[in-house]
Amino acid sequence: MVELNRRQFIAGTTAVIGANIALTGTARSADAAIEISSTWGSDKPFQKVVDAFNAKNLGVTVTNRFDGDYEAVTAKAVASIAAGRPPAMMITGWKFGYFAKRTLGARDLREINATKAEAILANFRSSVLPLVTIDGAVIGLPWAMSTPITYINSEIWKAAGLDPNLPETPDTTWLYESARKLDAALKGKHPTYRSPISLSNNEWTSQSFIQNAGGFIIDPAGKLALNSPEAIAGMTEYCAPAHEGLWLPVSDKEQTAAFQSGALAICTTSSTSAVTFPFGAAKAITTKFPSLPDHPRKMNSGGNFIAVYTRNKEQAEASLAFLEFCASKEGQTLWSQTGYLNTSTHDIPLINDFMKPAAGQLTDGLTAETIWPGKRGLEGQAVWRKWVSRMLLKETTVADGIKGAHDELTGLISA
């Protein structure tokens, strides 16, 4: 987890501002063409942002190149950088922040143009700036942010006779007892119902449980801190419904299909699903992610930032011109159609009321998702996910699983 206060951020900006000259107009040798290695295709809202920018004819033309998911995009960047052809810009997952800076060479925006970088970043809440600050460098524009929340199939909930007035800040005691009531009322009696709950079998929601228990996977100093009583307590609570038989751990894709078909009553997953889940067959209602009883909430986020990788001065300056538009109210309004949280200072309404729990978690304060350090940090997520599944499926005890994950990750991160 990365932490940096506003004073430290501004101090860093001041240190480099004298070495930079602000851009003026579109004074370039010719129109600059830049490509963004992206996780979104031409049918997604990001393309609308690109098209709106290009329509302004500012002397920069941007192409959105779909390269796959975060892992695929990052792997392609490794290959192109090794060949001496780094992407001009890339959509980079928060979780690869250390890898982006230390291995891929993401640029400090202030070194490109400190005045313009500070003006661009001033459009964002100060609480999100630490997420794009690695080793004192501001390596990108805070762009997409989501957080896990709780979705409930309102039809199944009603069929089980449960109270439709959900708690604003649920805890696991309430959630797991509700799952038991659902199972008792509907198992073998409802035409679609098969399982009461799924907390997402992945590295993200397991991090939420560890943090809500007071622990860390990676601590604020960037060190592995998994082998702790708090992490064991968090993972024990996370695994509890699976071990009780209330949760059948499946892939994220299978979880989504089960929820949308009415086979699954409750799931915790990304707040971006508030764009679709409430309007499908599940008629989902939402509340915050469950906390642990008698523990303060400490929720995490997910998503990505837009980083500049080109070493070419003209392309780097052209990239800042695009980031300036992305940070504007026009750019942020276009982007808000995705269901990602509004991390800017612009007044942009929520796309629907089902996003309110996620917005509330943002207001409460969100940490980054796990940012894996080390040259082989890209592999850390897969290792942790493997151990999460082993603990859920009782292939190992939680205590032994935490130790096994810590030992394997220690070797990986120190490599």
Protein backbone atom coordinates (compact mmCIF):
# COMPACT_ATOMS: atom_id res chain seq x y z
CA MET A 1 0.00 0.00 0.00
CA VAL A 2 1.39 3.43 -0.97
CA GLU A 3 0.92 6.50 1.18
CA LEU A 4 2.00 10.09 0.49
CA ASN A 5 0.54 13.32 1.77
CA ARG A 6 -0.28 16.41 -0.25
CA ARG A 7 2.63 18.41 1.20
CA GLN A 8 5.14 15.77 0.08
CA PHE A 9 3.58 15.71 -3.38
CA ILE A 10 3.79 19.49 -3.81
CA ALA A 11 7.35 19.54 -2.45
CA GLY A 12 8.35 17.02 -5.10
CA THR A 13 6.72 19.12 -7.79
CA THR A 14 8.56 22.25 -6.63
CA ALA A 15 11.86 20.39 -6.81
CA VAL A 16 11.54 19.75 -10.53
CA ILE A 17 9.47 22.69 -11.70
CA GLY A 18 12.45 24.89 -12.53
CA ALA A 19 13.80 22.36 -14.99
CA ASN A 20 10.68 22.38 -17.16
CA ILE A 21 9.13 24.79 -19.63
CA ALA A 22 5.37 24.97 -20.04
CA LEU A 23 3.78 24.03 -23.36
CA THR A 24 2.28 26.91 -25.31
CA GLY A 25 -0.51 26.24 -27.80
CA THR A 26 0.26 23.50 -30.32
CA ALA A 27 3.73 24.66 -31.35
CA ARG A 28 5.22 21.43 -32.72
CA SER A 29 7.11 20.53 -35.86
CA ALA A 30 3.99 18.73 -37.13
CA ASP A 31 0.88 17.11 -35.76
CA ALA A 32 1.96 14.51 -33.22
CA ALA A 33 0.49 11.00 -33.44
CA ILE A 34 0.49 8.89 -30.31
CA GLU A 35 -0.80 5.39 -29.57
CA ILE A 36 -2.22 4.25 -26.26
CA SER A 37 -1.82 0.58 -25.41
CA SER A 38 -5.24 0.00 -23.92
CA THR A 39 -7.43 -2.51 -22.11
CA TRP A 40 -10.53 -1.20 -23.91
CA GLY A 41 -11.69 -1.67 -27.49
CA SER A 42 -13.38 0.81 -29.79
CA ASP A 43 -16.82 -0.16 -28.43
CA LYS A 44 -16.03 1.09 -24.91
CA PRO A 45 -16.48 4.59 -23.39
CA PHE A 46 -12.72 5.23 -23.45
CA GLN A 47 -12.97 5.46 -27.24
CA LYS A 48 -15.46 8.31 -26.81
CA VAL A 49 -12.87 10.19 -24.76
CA VAL A 50 -10.26 9.64 -27.47
CA ASP A 51 -12.64 10.70 -30.23
CA ALA A 52 -13.72 13.85 -28.39
CA PHE A 53 -10.10 14.85 -27.89
CA ASN A 54 -9.18 14.24 -31.53
CA ALA A 55 -12.20 16.30 -32.66
CA LYS A 56 -10.64 19.37 -31.03
CA ASN A 57 -7.78 19.34 -33.58
CA LEU A 58 -5.15 20.45 -31.08
CA GLY A 59 -2.22 19.19 -33.12
CA VAL A 60 -2.19 15.78 -31.46
CA THR A 61 -3.92 12.65 -32.79
CA VAL A 62 -4.48 9.78 -30.39
CA THR A 63 -5.10 6.15 -31.39
CA ASN A 64 -6.64 3.74 -28.89
CA ARG A 65 -5.01 0.34 -29.50
CA PHE A 66 -6.70 -2.56 -27.72
CA ASP A 67 -4.05 -4.95 -26.40
CA GLY A 68 -6.01 -7.15 -23.96
CA ASP A 69 -6.36 -7.24 -20.17
CA TYR A 70 -3.90 -5.68 -17.69
CA GLU A 71 -1.61 -8.69 -17.75
CA ALA A 72 -1.58 -8.89 -21.57
CA VAL A 73 -1.00 -5.16 -21.98
CA THR A 74 1.88 -5.24 -19.50
CA ALA A 75 3.46 -8.31 -21.10
CA LYS A 76 3.34 -6.62 -24.52
CA ALA A 77 4.95 -3.52 -23.03
CA VAL A 78 7.81 -5.64 -21.64
CA ALA A 79 8.46 -7.02 -25.12
CA SER A 80 8.23 -3.67 -26.92
CA ILE A 81 10.47 -1.93 -24.37
CA ALA A 82 13.05 -4.70 -24.71
CA ALA A 83 12.97 -4.07 -28.47
CA GLY A 84 13.52 -0.34 -27.93
CA ARG A 85 9.97 0.60 -28.91
CA PRO A 86 8.13 1.54 -25.69
CA PRO A 87 4.44 2.44 -26.00
CA ALA A 88 3.89 6.18 -25.97
CA MET A 89 1.19 5.70 -23.33
CA MET A 90 -0.37 2.70 -21.63
CA ILE A 91 -3.38 1.93 -19.47
CA THR A 92 -1.61 0.46 -16.44
CA GLY A 93 -3.27 -1.39 -13.56
CA TRP A 94 -2.77 0.11 -10.09
CA LYS A 95 -1.39 -3.26 -9.01
CA PHE A 96 1.55 -2.90 -11.40
CA GLY A 97 2.64 0.51 -10.11
CA TYR A 98 6.05 -0.60 -8.81
CA PHE A 99 6.63 -2.72 -11.90
CA ALA A 100 5.67 0.18 -14.17
CA LYS A 101 8.14 2.53 -12.51
CA ARG A 102 11.05 0.25 -11.68
CA THR A 103 10.99 -2.15 -14.61
CA LEU A 104 9.05 -0.52 -17.45
CA GLY A 105 10.30 3.02 -16.82
CA ALA A 106 7.00 4.93 -16.54
CA ARG A 107 7.78 8.66 -16.74
CA ASP A 108 7.39 11.12 -13.90
CA LEU A 109 4.84 13.53 -15.41
CA ARG A 110 6.58 16.43 -13.66
CA GLU A 111 9.83 15.70 -15.47
CA ILE A 112 8.02 16.10 -18.78
CA ASN A 113 6.49 19.43 -17.79
CA ALA A 114 6.07 20.18 -14.09
CA THR A 115 3.76 23.18 -14.49
CA LYS A 116 1.37 21.35 -16.77
CA ALA A 117 1.53 18.16 -14.69
CA GLU A 118 0.61 20.02 -11.50
CA ALA A 119 -2.30 21.76 -13.28
CA ILE A 120 -3.56 18.42 -14.63
CA LEU A 121 -3.34 16.62 -11.28
CA ALA A 122 -5.06 19.48 -9.48
CA ASN A 123 -8.27 18.20 -11.11
CA PHE A 124 -8.19 15.12 -8.86
CA ARG A 125 -8.91 14.50 -5.21
CA SER A 126 -5.75 14.69 -3.15
CA SER A 127 -6.57 11.28 -1.65
CA VAL A 128 -5.92 9.50 -4.98
CA LEU A 129 -2.56 11.13 -5.76
CA PRO A 130 -0.59 8.65 -3.62
CA LEU A 131 -1.86 5.84 -5.83
CA VAL A 132 0.11 7.22 -8.79
CA THR A 133 3.17 8.22 -6.76
CA ILE A 134 5.87 5.56 -6.75
CA ASP A 135 9.38 6.17 -5.37
CA GLY A 136 8.54 9.89 -5.23
CA ALA A 137 7.64 10.00 -8.93
CA VAL A 138 4.15 10.84 -10.23
CA ILE A 139 3.89 8.14 -12.88
CA GLY A 140 0.44 8.69 -14.33
CA LEU A 141 -3.03 10.15 -14.35
CA PRO A 142 -5.46 8.59 -11.83
CA TRP A 143 -8.05 7.24 -14.23
CA ALA A 144 -10.26 4.25 -13.46
CA MET A 145 -11.16 3.47 -9.85
CA SER A 146 -13.59 0.87 -8.57
CA THR A 147 -14.11 -0.79 -5.21
CA PRO A 148 -15.82 -4.06 -4.25
CA ILE A 149 -19.39 -3.72 -2.94
CA THR A 150 -22.23 -6.13 -2.10
CA TYR A 151 -24.94 -7.08 -4.62
CA ILE A 152 -28.14 -8.86 -3.62
CA ASN A 153 -30.70 -10.46 -5.93
CA SER A 154 -33.81 -8.61 -4.77
CA GLU A 155 -36.24 -11.24 -6.11
CA ILE A 156 -34.54 -14.09 -4.25
CA TRP A 157 -34.17 -11.93 -1.14
CA LYS A 158 -37.90 -11.21 -1.21
CA ALA A 159 -38.76 -14.88 -1.80
CA ALA A 160 -36.83 -15.79 1.34
CA GLY A 161 -38.80 -13.20 3.34
CA LEU A 162 -35.75 -11.13 4.28
CA ASP A 163 -35.87 -7.43 5.20
CA PRO A 164 -35.47 -5.30 2.04
CA ASN A 165 -34.02 -2.45 4.12
CA LEU A 166 -30.34 -3.29 3.95
CA PRO A 167 -27.85 -1.93 6.50
CA GLU A 168 -25.74 0.88 5.09
CA THR A 169 -22.56 -0.59 6.58
CA PRO A 170 -23.06 -4.36 6.88
CA ASP A 171 -20.67 -6.67 8.66
CA THR A 172 -19.95 -10.34 8.10
CA THR A 173 -22.14 -11.42 11.03
CA TRP A 174 -25.21 -9.94 9.30
CA LEU A 175 -24.14 -11.12 5.84
CA TYR A 176 -23.40 -14.72 6.76
CA GLU A 177 -26.55 -15.05 8.88
CA SER A 178 -28.55 -13.74 5.90
CA ALA A 179 -26.89 -16.39 3.71
CA ARG A 180 -27.94 -19.10 6.17
CA LYS A 181 -31.53 -17.82 6.15
CA LEU A 182 -31.57 -17.80 2.34
CA ASP A 183 -30.35 -21.39 2.21
CA ALA A 184 -32.83 -22.56 4.83
CA ALA A 185 -35.76 -20.91 3.07
CA LEU A 186 -34.99 -21.66 -0.58
CA LYS A 187 -32.65 -24.63 -1.05
CA GLY A 188 -34.46 -27.25 -3.11
CA LYS A 189 -37.63 -25.12 -3.16
CA HIS A 190 -36.87 -22.23 -5.55
CA PRO A 191 -36.73 -22.73 -9.34
CA THR A 192 -33.40 -20.91 -9.89
CA TYR A 193 -31.73 -20.63 -6.49
CA ARG A 194 -28.64 -22.81 -5.95
CA SER A 195 -26.27 -20.98 -3.58
CA PRO A 196 -26.58 -18.08 -1.12
CA ILE A 197 -23.26 -16.24 -1.37
CA SER A 198 -20.00 -15.74 -3.26
CA LEU A 199 -17.32 -13.29 -2.13
CA SER A 200 -15.23 -13.52 -5.35
CA ASN A 201 -12.44 -16.07 -5.47
CA ASN A 202 -9.59 -13.68 -6.22
CA GLU A 203 -6.76 -11.56 -4.85
CA TRP A 204 -8.87 -8.40 -4.57
CA THR A 205 -11.68 -9.17 -2.13
CA SER A 206 -9.33 -11.31 -0.04
CA GLN A 207 -7.22 -8.16 0.37
CA SER A 208 -10.35 -6.35 1.59
CA PHE A 209 -10.81 -8.92 4.36
CA ILE A 210 -7.17 -8.76 5.43
CA GLN A 211 -7.24 -4.96 5.58
CA ASN A 212 -10.55 -4.90 7.43
CA ALA A 213 -8.94 -7.21 10.01
CA GLY A 214 -6.12 -4.69 10.46
CA GLY A 215 -3.50 -6.44 8.34
CA PHE A 216 -1.66 -5.93 5.07
CA ILE A 217 -0.47 -7.96 2.13
CA ILE A 218 2.07 -5.25 1.27
CA ASP A 219 2.54 -2.69 4.07
CA PRO A 220 2.73 1.13 3.61
CA ALA A 221 6.51 0.89 3.30
CA GLY A 222 6.15 -1.47 0.33
CA LYS A 223 7.24 -4.56 2.27
CA LEU A 224 5.54 -7.96 2.30
CA ALA A 225 3.57 -8.23 5.55
CA LEU A 226 1.31 -11.18 4.91
CA ASN A 227 2.48 -13.49 7.69
CA SER A 228 0.61 -11.83 10.58
CA PRO A 229 -2.20 -12.68 13.01
CA GLU A 230 -4.36 -10.01 11.38
CA ALA A 231 -3.96 -11.53 7.93
CA ILE A 232 -4.85 -14.97 9.33
CA ALA A 233 -7.94 -13.48 11.04
CA GLY A 234 -9.04 -11.75 7.83
CA MET A 235 -8.60 -14.83 5.67
CA THR A 236 -10.33 -17.03 8.26
CA GLU A 237 -13.40 -14.77 8.06
CA TYR A 238 -13.17 -14.65 4.25
CA CYS A 239 -13.03 -18.45 3.96
CA ALA A 240 -15.73 -19.09 6.59
CA PRO A 241 -18.78 -19.27 4.25
CA ALA A 242 -16.90 -21.55 1.83
CA HIS A 243 -15.88 -23.87 4.66
CA GLU A 244 -19.46 -23.86 5.95
CA GLY A 245 -20.81 -24.86 2.56
CA LEU A 246 -22.54 -21.55 1.85
CA TRP A 247 -20.11 -20.52 -0.91
CA LEU A 248 -18.97 -22.63 -3.85
CA PRO A 249 -15.78 -20.88 -5.05
CA VAL A 250 -15.79 -20.46 -8.82
CA SER A 251 -14.18 -18.09 -11.33
CA ASP A 252 -15.30 -14.49 -11.62
CA LYS A 253 -16.95 -15.23 -14.96
CA GLU A 254 -18.89 -18.17 -13.47
CA GLN A 255 -19.87 -16.07 -10.45
CA THR A 256 -21.30 -13.35 -12.70
CA ALA A 257 -23.25 -15.88 -14.76
CA ALA A 258 -24.68 -17.51 -11.62
CA PHE A 259 -25.75 -14.18 -10.17
CA GLN A 260 -27.36 -12.94 -13.37
CA SER A 261 -29.23 -16.23 -13.85
CA GLY A 262 -30.71 -16.23 -10.35
CA ALA A 263 -28.68 -19.21 -9.12
CA LEU A 264 -26.66 -17.03 -6.72
CA ALA A 265 -28.31 -14.69 -4.20
CA ILE A 266 -25.42 -12.51 -2.94
CA CYS A 267 -22.07 -11.60 -4.41
CA THR A 268 -19.32 -9.12 -3.70
CA THR A 269 -17.56 -7.76 -6.74
CA SER A 270 -16.54 -4.56 -8.52
CA SER A 271 -18.69 -1.44 -8.22
CA THR A 272 -18.62 -1.22 -12.03
CA SER A 273 -21.22 -4.01 -12.09
CA ALA A 274 -23.72 -1.43 -10.79
CA VAL A 275 -24.07 -0.44 -14.46
CA THR A 276 -25.61 -3.83 -15.33
CA PHE A 277 -26.61 -5.99 -12.34
CA PRO A 278 -29.55 -3.86 -11.12
CA PHE A 279 -31.11 -3.79 -14.59
CA GLY A 280 -30.86 -7.48 -15.43
CA ALA A 281 -32.87 -10.46 -14.28
CA ALA A 282 -31.32 -10.28 -10.80
CA LYS A 283 -32.78 -6.78 -10.18
CA ALA A 284 -29.83 -6.29 -7.84
CA ILE A 285 -29.80 -3.97 -4.88
CA THR A 286 -26.53 -2.79 -3.35
CA THR A 287 -24.85 -2.00 -0.07
CA LYS A 288 -21.28 -1.53 1.09
CA PHE A 289 -18.74 -4.34 1.30
CA PRO A 290 -18.99 -6.18 4.63
CA SER A 291 -16.67 -5.16 7.43
CA LEU A 292 -15.47 -7.45 10.20
CA PRO A 293 -17.30 -7.07 13.52
CA ASP A 294 -15.56 -4.74 15.97
CA HIS A 295 -12.96 -3.66 13.41
CA PRO A 296 -12.70 -0.32 11.57
CA ARG A 297 -13.40 -0.45 7.83
CA LYS A 298 -10.37 -0.07 5.57
CA MET A 299 -11.46 -0.71 2.01
CA ASN A 300 -9.32 -1.03 -1.08
CA SER A 301 -9.77 0.10 -4.65
CA GLY A 302 -8.93 -1.30 -8.07
CA GLY A 303 -8.53 0.10 -11.54
CA ASN A 304 -5.80 1.81 -13.49
CA PHE A 305 -3.85 4.92 -14.37
CA ILE A 306 -2.70 6.33 -17.70
CA ALA A 307 1.09 6.34 -17.82
CA VAL A 308 3.57 7.86 -20.27
CA TYR A 309 6.45 5.60 -21.36
CA THR A 310 7.88 7.31 -24.44
CA ARG A 311 11.33 8.86 -24.10
CA ASN A 312 10.70 11.11 -27.11
CA LYS A 313 10.25 14.71 -25.94
CA GLU A 314 7.62 15.69 -28.52
CA GLN A 315 5.56 12.53 -27.96
CA ALA A 316 5.76 12.99 -24.21
CA GLU A 317 4.50 16.56 -24.45
CA ALA A 318 1.73 15.43 -26.81
CA SER A 319 0.77 12.79 -24.26
CA LEU A 320 0.34 15.50 -21.62
CA ALA A 321 -2.02 17.34 -23.96
CA PHE A 322 -4.25 14.26 -24.03
CA LEU A 323 -4.02 13.82 -20.25
CA GLU A 324 -5.08 17.44 -19.85
CA PHE A 325 -8.29 16.65 -21.70
CA CYS A 326 -8.82 13.43 -19.73
CA ALA A 327 -8.61 15.45 -16.51
CA SER A 328 -11.11 18.07 -17.68
CA LYS A 329 -14.79 18.01 -16.76
CA GLU A 330 -15.68 17.12 -20.36
CA GLY A 331 -13.31 14.15 -20.36
CA GLN A 332 -14.38 12.98 -16.92
CA THR A 333 -18.08 13.24 -17.79
CA LEU A 334 -17.60 11.05 -20.86
CA TRP A 335 -15.61 8.57 -18.79
CA SER A 336 -18.23 8.40 -16.01
CA GLN A 337 -20.47 6.27 -18.26
CA THR A 338 -18.33 3.24 -17.37
CA GLY A 339 -19.46 3.09 -13.76
CA TYR A 340 -16.01 3.85 -12.40
CA LEU A 341 -15.89 6.22 -9.45
CA ASN A 342 -15.44 9.95 -9.93
CA THR A 343 -12.00 10.61 -8.47
CA SER A 344 -11.87 14.13 -9.88
CA THR A 345 -12.86 17.39 -8.21
CA HIS A 346 -15.52 17.99 -10.88
CA ASP A 347 -19.18 17.80 -9.91
CA ILE A 348 -20.35 14.79 -11.93
CA PRO A 349 -23.55 13.01 -10.83
CA LEU A 350 -23.54 9.27 -10.14
CA ILE A 351 -24.85 7.29 -13.10
CA ASN A 352 -27.42 5.65 -10.80
CA ASP A 353 -28.28 5.26 -7.11
CA PHE A 354 -26.85 1.74 -7.01
CA MET A 355 -23.40 3.38 -7.08
CA LYS A 356 -24.01 5.12 -3.73
CA PRO A 357 -22.32 2.42 -1.59
CA ALA A 358 -19.19 2.66 -3.75
CA ALA A 359 -19.21 6.46 -3.60
CA GLY A 360 -19.57 6.18 0.17
CA GLN A 361 -16.52 3.91 0.36
CA LEU A 362 -14.55 6.43 -1.71
CA THR A 363 -15.57 9.19 0.71
CA ASP A 364 -14.56 6.99 3.65
CA GLY A 365 -11.12 6.56 2.05
CA LEU A 366 -9.72 3.83 -0.18
CA THR A 367 -6.28 2.27 -0.36
CA ALA A 368 -4.80 0.92 -3.57
CA GLU A 369 -5.20 -2.69 -4.52
CA THR A 370 -2.04 -4.68 -3.79
CA ILE A 371 0.87 -3.10 -5.67
CA TRP A 372 3.41 -5.88 -6.11
CA PRO A 373 7.08 -4.80 -5.77
CA GLY A 374 10.16 -6.39 -7.34
CA LYS A 375 11.28 -7.10 -10.87
CA ARG A 376 9.09 -10.20 -10.84
CA GLY A 377 6.21 -8.41 -9.15
CA LEU A 378 4.05 -9.07 -12.18
CA GLU A 379 3.89 -12.70 -11.01
CA GLY A 380 2.89 -11.89 -7.44
CA GLN A 381 -0.81 -11.59 -8.14
CA ALA A 382 -1.02 -15.09 -9.64
CA VAL A 383 0.88 -16.58 -6.69
CA TRP A 384 -1.40 -14.96 -4.11
CA ARG A 385 -4.51 -15.93 -6.09
CA LYS A 386 -3.33 -19.55 -6.13
CA TRP A 387 -2.97 -19.62 -2.34
CA VAL A 388 -6.35 -17.90 -1.87
CA SER A 389 -8.02 -20.70 -3.85
CA ARG A 390 -6.14 -23.37 -1.89
CA MET A 391 -7.36 -21.90 1.41
CA LEU A 392 -10.94 -21.60 0.17
CA LEU A 393 -11.00 -25.19 -1.09
CA LYS A 394 -9.48 -26.54 2.16
CA GLU A 395 -6.40 -27.79 0.33
CA THR A 396 -4.49 -26.18 3.18
CA THR A 397 -5.38 -24.56 6.48
CA VAL A 398 -5.60 -20.78 6.56
CA ALA A 399 -2.53 -20.50 8.82
CA ASP A 400 -0.47 -22.81 6.60
CA GLY A 401 -1.79 -21.10 3.47
CA ILE A 402 -0.77 -17.67 4.73
CA LYS A 403 2.71 -18.99 5.59
CA GLY A 404 3.05 -20.75 2.25
CA ALA A 405 1.99 -17.64 0.34
CA HIS A 406 4.32 -15.44 2.39
CA ASP A 407 7.30 -17.74 1.81
CA GLU A 408 6.70 -18.05 -1.95
CA LEU A 409 6.08 -14.33 -2.38
CA THR A 410 9.20 -13.47 -0.36
CA GLY A 411 11.37 -15.33 -2.84
CA LEU A 412 9.56 -13.82 -5.80
CA ILE A 413 9.64 -10.21 -4.60
CA SER A 414 13.30 -10.34 -3.55
CA ALA A 415 14.42 -11.78 -6.89
